[in-house]
Amino acid sequence: MTAPLHETSAAESTAAVDGAPDAPGTPGTGKAIEGRSPWQIAWTRLKRDKLALAGGFVVVFLILVAIFAPVIVGLLGHPPDEFHEDQIDPLFGTPIGSFGGMSSEFLLGVEPVNGRDVFSRIVYGARISLLVACLAALFAVFLGTVLGIVAGYFGGWVDAAVSRVMDVMLAFPQLLFTIALVSVLPNELLGLDGSGVRIAALVLVIGFFGWPYVGRIVRGQTLSLRNREYVEAAQSLGAGRLYILRKELLPNLIAPITVYATLMIPTNILTEAALSFLGAGVKPPTASWGQMLSTAITTYEADPLFMVFPGLAIFITVLAFNLFGDGVRDALDPKGSR
């Protein structure tokens, strides 16, 4: 008599269980738990950092402005090297009108004395600053990564030699060397002429003096990674040194390298602006933010407002890169919250 009751209870309990909602992540729900890669975790963290995202959007906007500078200037401005003497007071050499000659035709006014369009020169100046800064950062990251990972992995006399070269490079007066080098550069070199020679020289010099900073970080990380279990496992399986460097160590160094590259670009922008301010940058009349600041100093009494716009351009660009770089650093931090 009790058996049917027991069977009924079992059936009812089974039906109740089947009718109840499945627990999250259990089989049969149709929504299995998916693992996340380190880059997905980093992107999730980065999306939560509103300041970093704002900096990233500004960086993307500036890059687009630099790429499409001819189109933007064609729609909203004038050629950057075109003089507009009719916009300058012939007696005082100051822009006609208020706020540096701002109008619907000249959005940011005109330069004192010569009357060139400030808006157009700011837009074209973004090309020079971002081009020099990004190429120099790529060169420094490549050279620093190669030498740093080699020094950290091989150790011994290789590590000692690379480390001493880093010390010498860090102690070398970069600014004086750049000024001396630019002063003896010819107008034509390896198919480049004028400002092209100066840009190539700035990229090589800034990048060459910047690689020791990347090299030190990569060397230190490699020293801590070369004795890990997966490296020893690869060695025990007969993997060569080049394979270990390329497949085992380098992927684990991408995060710190990426972070340092994003923080190196604003430093390079300031360096390029300082060199252009001192006359060691691109040749006139090529537009550059540092060169515009240098011109603004000499024409300060005629138009104090002229130095505001190139200064703001440098400030906003450096701030955006720094905010984005800090956000990337926090997102790639393995100890950060998920």
Protein backbone atom coordinates (compact mmCIF):
# COMPACT_ATOMS: atom_id res chain seq x y z
CA MET A 1 0.00 0.00 0.00
CA THR A 2 2.82 2.31 0.61
CA ALA A 3 4.67 1.66 -2.66
CA PRO A 4 2.26 3.59 -4.94
CA LEU A 5 2.36 6.52 -2.57
CA HIS A 6 6.14 6.51 -2.69
CA GLU A 7 6.13 6.37 -6.47
CA THR A 8 3.66 9.23 -6.68
CA SER A 9 5.77 11.34 -4.35
CA ALA A 10 8.86 10.67 -6.41
CA ALA A 11 7.04 11.57 -9.62
CA GLU A 12 5.65 14.75 -8.11
CA SER A 13 9.04 15.78 -6.80
CA THR A 14 10.59 15.11 -10.19
CA ALA A 15 7.92 17.18 -11.91
CA ALA A 16 8.43 19.97 -9.41
CA VAL A 17 12.13 19.98 -10.05
CA ASP A 18 11.59 19.95 -13.81
CA GLY A 19 9.15 22.79 -13.61
CA ALA A 20 11.39 24.95 -11.42
CA PRO A 21 13.73 27.42 -13.11
CA ASP A 22 17.24 26.12 -13.61
CA ALA A 23 20.04 27.57 -11.56
CA PRO A 24 22.33 29.98 -13.40
CA GLY A 25 25.12 28.27 -15.24
CA THR A 26 23.68 24.76 -14.94
CA PRO A 27 23.30 22.50 -17.97
CA GLY A 28 20.00 22.73 -19.75
CA THR A 29 19.48 26.46 -19.31
CA GLY A 30 20.67 27.26 -22.82
CA LYS A 31 23.01 29.90 -21.40
CA ALA A 32 26.27 28.38 -20.39
CA ILE A 33 28.92 30.29 -18.50
CA GLU A 34 31.53 31.55 -20.93
CA GLY A 35 35.13 32.23 -20.05
CA ARG A 36 36.64 35.64 -20.73
CA SER A 37 40.05 36.30 -22.18
CA PRO A 38 42.38 38.84 -20.50
CA TRP A 39 41.64 41.33 -23.30
CA GLN A 40 37.88 40.97 -22.76
CA ILE A 41 38.36 41.59 -19.05
CA ALA A 42 40.52 44.64 -19.83
CA TRP A 43 37.88 46.01 -22.21
CA THR A 44 35.18 45.55 -19.56
CA ARG A 45 37.27 47.49 -17.04
CA LEU A 46 38.09 50.19 -19.57
CA LYS A 47 34.43 50.73 -20.40
CA ARG A 48 33.77 51.50 -16.74
CA ASP A 49 36.39 54.28 -16.74
CA LYS A 50 34.54 57.26 -18.18
CA LEU A 51 37.56 59.57 -18.12
CA ALA A 52 39.67 57.05 -20.03
CA LEU A 53 36.92 56.60 -22.61
CA ALA A 54 36.61 60.37 -23.00
CA GLY A 55 40.36 60.60 -23.51
CA GLY A 56 40.20 57.77 -26.04
CA PHE A 57 37.44 59.53 -28.01
CA VAL A 58 39.48 62.75 -28.08
CA VAL A 59 42.53 60.81 -29.28
CA VAL A 60 40.52 59.18 -32.08
CA PHE A 61 39.05 62.58 -33.00
CA LEU A 62 42.53 64.17 -33.20
CA ILE A 63 43.82 61.33 -35.35
CA LEU A 64 40.88 61.76 -37.73
CA VAL A 65 41.50 65.52 -37.83
CA ALA A 66 45.15 64.92 -38.72
CA ILE A 67 44.25 62.40 -41.44
CA PHE A 68 41.52 64.51 -43.03
CA ALA A 69 43.20 67.88 -42.50
CA PRO A 70 43.01 68.89 -46.20
CA VAL A 71 39.28 68.14 -46.31
CA ILE A 72 38.55 69.99 -43.06
CA VAL A 73 40.58 73.03 -44.08
CA GLY A 74 38.98 73.03 -47.52
CA LEU A 75 35.53 73.20 -45.93
CA LEU A 76 36.13 75.48 -42.94
CA GLY A 77 39.36 77.38 -43.53
CA HIS A 78 42.02 78.60 -45.91
CA PRO A 79 45.36 77.16 -47.04
CA PRO A 80 47.67 77.20 -44.00
CA ASP A 81 50.48 79.08 -45.79
CA GLU A 82 48.29 81.67 -47.48
CA PHE A 83 48.80 85.28 -46.38
CA HIS A 84 45.82 87.58 -45.81
CA GLU A 85 47.26 91.07 -45.51
CA ASP A 86 43.79 92.55 -45.81
CA GLN A 87 43.01 91.10 -42.34
CA ILE A 88 45.96 92.93 -40.73
CA ASP A 89 46.08 96.53 -39.57
CA PRO A 90 48.91 98.06 -41.64
CA LEU A 91 49.89 100.47 -38.86
CA PHE A 92 50.11 98.15 -35.86
CA GLY A 93 50.37 94.72 -37.53
CA THR A 94 47.46 93.39 -35.46
CA PRO A 95 44.43 91.47 -36.74
CA ILE A 96 41.47 93.61 -37.70
CA GLY A 97 38.46 93.02 -35.48
CA SER A 98 38.02 91.63 -32.00
CA PHE A 99 39.43 88.43 -30.53
CA GLY A 100 42.31 88.15 -32.97
CA GLY A 101 40.21 88.65 -36.07
CA MET A 102 37.72 85.83 -35.40
CA SER A 103 34.85 85.68 -37.86
CA SER A 104 32.75 83.22 -39.83
CA GLU A 105 35.51 83.19 -42.43
CA PHE A 106 38.40 82.83 -39.95
CA LEU A 107 37.10 80.66 -37.11
CA LEU A 108 40.11 81.18 -34.79
CA GLY A 109 41.30 84.47 -36.23
CA VAL A 110 44.52 85.19 -38.10
CA GLU A 111 48.18 85.39 -37.16
CA PRO A 112 49.59 88.85 -36.44
CA VAL A 113 51.76 90.51 -39.10
CA ASN A 114 51.18 87.95 -41.90
CA GLY A 115 47.48 87.09 -41.55
CA ARG A 116 47.64 83.31 -41.94
CA ASP A 117 44.56 81.34 -40.86
CA VAL A 118 45.08 80.12 -37.28
CA PHE A 119 42.42 77.38 -37.58
CA SER A 120 44.09 75.86 -40.65
CA ARG A 121 47.52 75.92 -39.06
CA ILE A 122 46.19 74.30 -35.87
CA VAL A 123 44.62 71.50 -37.92
CA TYR A 124 47.75 70.93 -40.00
CA GLY A 125 49.91 71.23 -36.88
CA ALA A 126 48.11 68.17 -35.50
CA ARG A 127 49.58 66.18 -38.39
CA ILE A 128 53.15 67.07 -37.47
CA SER A 129 52.77 66.56 -33.73
CA LEU A 130 50.93 63.23 -33.95
CA LEU A 131 53.10 61.92 -36.79
CA VAL A 132 56.37 62.64 -34.99
CA ALA A 133 55.07 61.46 -31.60
CA CYS A 134 53.53 58.19 -32.83
CA LEU A 135 56.39 57.20 -35.15
CA ALA A 136 58.98 58.00 -32.48
CA ALA A 137 57.00 55.94 -29.94
CA LEU A 138 56.81 52.98 -32.35
CA PHE A 139 60.54 53.17 -33.01
CA ALA A 140 61.35 53.40 -29.31
CA VAL A 141 58.98 50.55 -28.40
CA PHE A 142 60.38 48.28 -31.11
CA LEU A 143 64.02 48.92 -30.23
CA GLY A 144 63.41 48.84 -26.47
CA THR A 145 61.40 45.62 -26.67
CA VAL A 146 63.98 43.78 -28.75
CA LEU A 147 66.98 44.82 -26.67
CA GLY A 148 65.15 44.55 -23.33
CA ILE A 149 63.84 41.02 -23.90
CA VAL A 150 67.22 39.85 -25.22
CA ALA A 151 69.05 41.33 -22.23
CA GLY A 152 66.60 39.91 -19.71
CA TYR A 153 66.47 36.41 -21.17
CA PHE A 154 70.13 35.80 -21.99
CA GLY A 155 71.60 37.63 -19.00
CA GLY A 156 75.36 37.56 -18.43
CA TRP A 157 77.51 39.80 -20.58
CA VAL A 158 74.61 40.51 -22.95
CA ASP A 159 72.56 41.92 -20.10
CA ALA A 160 75.52 43.90 -18.78
CA ALA A 161 76.31 45.40 -22.20
CA VAL A 162 72.71 46.41 -22.95
CA SER A 163 72.24 47.81 -19.44
CA ARG A 164 75.36 49.98 -19.72
CA VAL A 165 74.19 51.30 -23.09
CA MET A 166 70.86 52.20 -21.47
CA ASP A 167 72.64 54.08 -18.70
CA VAL A 168 74.69 56.06 -21.22
CA MET A 169 71.61 56.91 -23.30
CA LEU A 170 69.67 58.07 -20.25
CA ALA A 171 72.54 60.36 -19.21
CA PHE A 172 73.03 61.84 -22.71
CA PRO A 173 71.79 65.44 -23.26
CA GLN A 174 69.06 64.77 -25.82
CA LEU A 175 68.01 68.39 -26.32
CA LEU A 176 71.50 69.68 -27.05
CA PHE A 177 72.25 66.77 -29.36
CA THR A 178 69.03 67.35 -31.34
CA ILE A 179 69.72 71.06 -31.76
CA ALA A 180 73.28 70.35 -32.89
CA LEU A 181 72.13 67.63 -35.30
CA VAL A 182 69.38 69.73 -36.89
CA SER A 183 71.75 72.64 -37.41
CA VAL A 184 74.00 70.55 -39.68
CA LEU A 185 71.30 68.63 -41.57
CA PRO A 186 71.22 69.25 -45.33
CA ASN A 187 68.08 70.40 -47.10
CA GLU A 188 67.92 67.13 -49.06
CA LEU A 189 68.68 63.68 -47.72
CA LEU A 190 67.69 60.19 -48.92
CA GLY A 191 64.97 61.51 -51.18
CA LEU A 192 63.53 63.83 -48.51
CA ASP A 193 63.71 67.59 -48.59
CA GLY A 194 62.82 70.53 -46.40
CA SER A 195 60.56 69.63 -43.50
CA GLY A 196 60.67 65.94 -44.47
CA VAL A 197 64.33 65.80 -43.42
CA ARG A 198 63.51 67.51 -40.12
CA ILE A 199 60.57 65.20 -39.41
CA ALA A 200 62.68 62.10 -40.08
CA ALA A 201 65.45 63.46 -37.85
CA LEU A 202 63.00 64.22 -35.02
CA VAL A 203 61.47 60.74 -35.22
CA LEU A 204 64.85 59.02 -35.12
CA VAL A 205 66.31 61.20 -32.38
CA ILE A 206 63.26 61.16 -30.08
CA GLY A 207 62.75 57.44 -30.61
CA PHE A 208 66.43 56.61 -30.21
CA PHE A 209 66.65 58.45 -26.90
CA GLY A 210 63.33 57.01 -25.72
CA TRP A 211 64.00 53.28 -26.13
CA PRO A 212 65.99 52.85 -22.87
CA TYR A 213 62.84 53.64 -20.85
CA VAL A 214 60.97 50.85 -22.64
CA GLY A 215 64.02 48.60 -22.51
CA ARG A 216 64.29 48.82 -18.73
CA ILE A 217 60.67 47.84 -18.21
CA VAL A 218 60.85 44.96 -20.69
CA ARG A 219 64.14 43.73 -19.20
CA GLY A 220 62.72 43.71 -15.67
CA GLN A 221 59.59 41.86 -16.74
CA THR A 222 61.62 39.33 -18.71
CA LEU A 223 63.83 38.62 -15.70
CA SER A 224 60.72 37.68 -13.71
CA LEU A 225 59.19 35.60 -16.51
CA ARG A 226 62.16 33.59 -17.76
CA ASN A 227 62.06 31.20 -14.76
CA ARG A 228 58.33 30.51 -14.95
CA GLU A 229 57.03 26.96 -15.34
CA TYR A 230 55.79 27.39 -18.90
CA VAL A 231 59.20 28.62 -20.03
CA GLU A 232 60.94 25.67 -18.38
CA ALA A 233 58.37 23.34 -19.95
CA ALA A 234 59.09 24.75 -23.39
CA GLN A 235 62.83 24.31 -22.81
CA SER A 236 62.35 20.71 -21.68
CA LEU A 237 60.42 20.00 -24.89
CA GLY A 238 63.35 21.22 -26.94
CA ALA A 239 62.04 24.65 -27.95
CA GLY A 240 64.69 27.03 -29.26
CA ARG A 241 65.52 30.39 -27.77
CA LEU A 242 63.89 32.32 -30.59
CA TYR A 243 60.68 30.33 -30.16
CA ILE A 244 60.63 30.97 -26.41
CA LEU A 245 61.23 34.69 -26.91
CA ARG A 246 58.55 34.99 -29.58
CA LYS A 247 55.88 32.57 -28.34
CA GLU A 248 56.30 32.36 -24.57
CA LEU A 249 57.73 35.68 -23.33
CA LEU A 250 56.59 38.31 -25.82
CA PRO A 251 52.82 37.64 -25.48
CA ASN A 252 53.13 38.15 -21.72
CA LEU A 253 54.90 41.48 -22.28
CA ILE A 254 52.28 43.02 -24.56
CA ALA A 255 50.31 44.58 -21.68
CA PRO A 256 53.16 46.64 -20.11
CA ILE A 257 54.48 47.55 -23.56
CA THR A 258 51.04 48.81 -24.62
CA VAL A 259 50.66 50.85 -21.48
CA TYR A 260 54.05 52.48 -21.78
CA ALA A 261 53.52 53.23 -25.48
CA THR A 262 50.29 55.13 -24.73
CA LEU A 263 52.08 57.13 -22.03
CA MET A 264 55.12 57.80 -24.23
CA ILE A 265 53.18 59.51 -27.02
CA PRO A 266 52.21 62.63 -24.97
CA THR A 267 55.81 62.96 -23.81
CA ASN A 268 56.94 62.88 -27.44
CA ILE A 269 54.36 65.53 -28.33
CA LEU A 270 55.80 67.83 -25.69
CA THR A 271 59.34 67.09 -26.86
CA GLU A 272 58.47 67.91 -30.47
CA ALA A 273 56.72 71.10 -29.40
CA ALA A 274 59.74 72.14 -27.32
CA LEU A 275 62.13 71.49 -30.18
CA SER A 276 59.93 73.39 -32.64
CA PHE A 277 59.67 76.21 -30.12
CA LEU A 278 63.49 76.40 -30.04
CA GLY A 279 63.72 76.35 -33.84
CA ALA A 280 64.97 72.75 -34.06
CA GLY A 281 61.70 71.36 -35.38
CA VAL A 282 60.13 71.50 -38.81
CA LYS A 283 61.10 74.27 -41.17
CA PRO A 284 58.79 77.23 -41.73
CA PRO A 285 56.24 77.66 -43.19
CA THR A 286 55.20 74.09 -42.23
CA ALA A 287 52.63 74.37 -39.45
CA SER A 288 53.59 73.07 -36.01
CA TRP A 289 52.09 73.80 -32.61
CA GLY A 290 55.49 74.45 -31.05
CA GLN A 291 56.49 76.74 -33.89
CA MET A 292 53.22 78.65 -33.54
CA LEU A 293 53.97 79.17 -29.84
CA SER A 294 57.43 80.45 -30.73
CA THR A 295 55.87 82.94 -33.17
CA ALA A 296 53.30 83.93 -30.56
CA ILE A 297 56.06 84.89 -28.12
CA THR A 298 57.60 87.30 -30.61
CA THR A 299 54.20 88.84 -31.46
CA TYR A 300 52.77 88.79 -27.95
CA GLU A 301 52.32 92.56 -27.73
CA ALA A 302 50.49 92.65 -31.08
CA ASP A 303 48.05 89.82 -30.27
CA PRO A 304 48.25 88.07 -26.85
CA LEU A 305 45.38 85.75 -27.84
CA PHE A 306 47.42 84.10 -30.57
CA MET A 307 49.32 81.87 -28.13
CA VAL A 308 46.13 80.50 -26.56
CA PHE A 309 45.06 78.20 -29.39
CA PRO A 310 48.31 76.27 -30.01
CA GLY A 311 48.80 76.04 -26.24
CA LEU A 312 45.28 74.63 -25.81
CA ALA A 313 45.86 72.17 -28.65
CA ILE A 314 48.98 70.81 -26.94
CA PHE A 315 47.29 70.75 -23.53
CA ILE A 316 44.16 68.91 -24.70
CA THR A 317 46.13 66.39 -26.75
CA VAL A 318 48.56 65.54 -23.96
CA LEU A 319 45.75 65.37 -21.39
CA ALA A 320 43.69 63.04 -23.60
CA PHE A 321 46.60 60.67 -24.16
CA ASN A 322 47.45 60.67 -20.45
CA LEU A 323 43.87 59.91 -19.41
CA PHE A 324 43.61 57.14 -21.97
CA GLY A 325 47.01 55.74 -21.00
CA ASP A 326 46.10 55.69 -17.31
CA GLY A 327 42.86 53.91 -18.14
CA VAL A 328 44.66 51.30 -20.23
CA ARG A 329 47.16 50.76 -17.41
CA ASP A 330 44.39 50.18 -14.88
CA ALA A 331 42.47 47.93 -17.27
CA LEU A 332 45.46 45.72 -17.95
CA ASP A 333 46.44 45.47 -14.29
CA PRO A 334 46.00 41.79 -13.35
CA LYS A 335 45.41 42.77 -9.69
CA GLY A 336 42.57 45.11 -10.56
CA SER A 337 38.91 44.38 -9.88
CA ARG A 338 36.99 42.49 -12.54
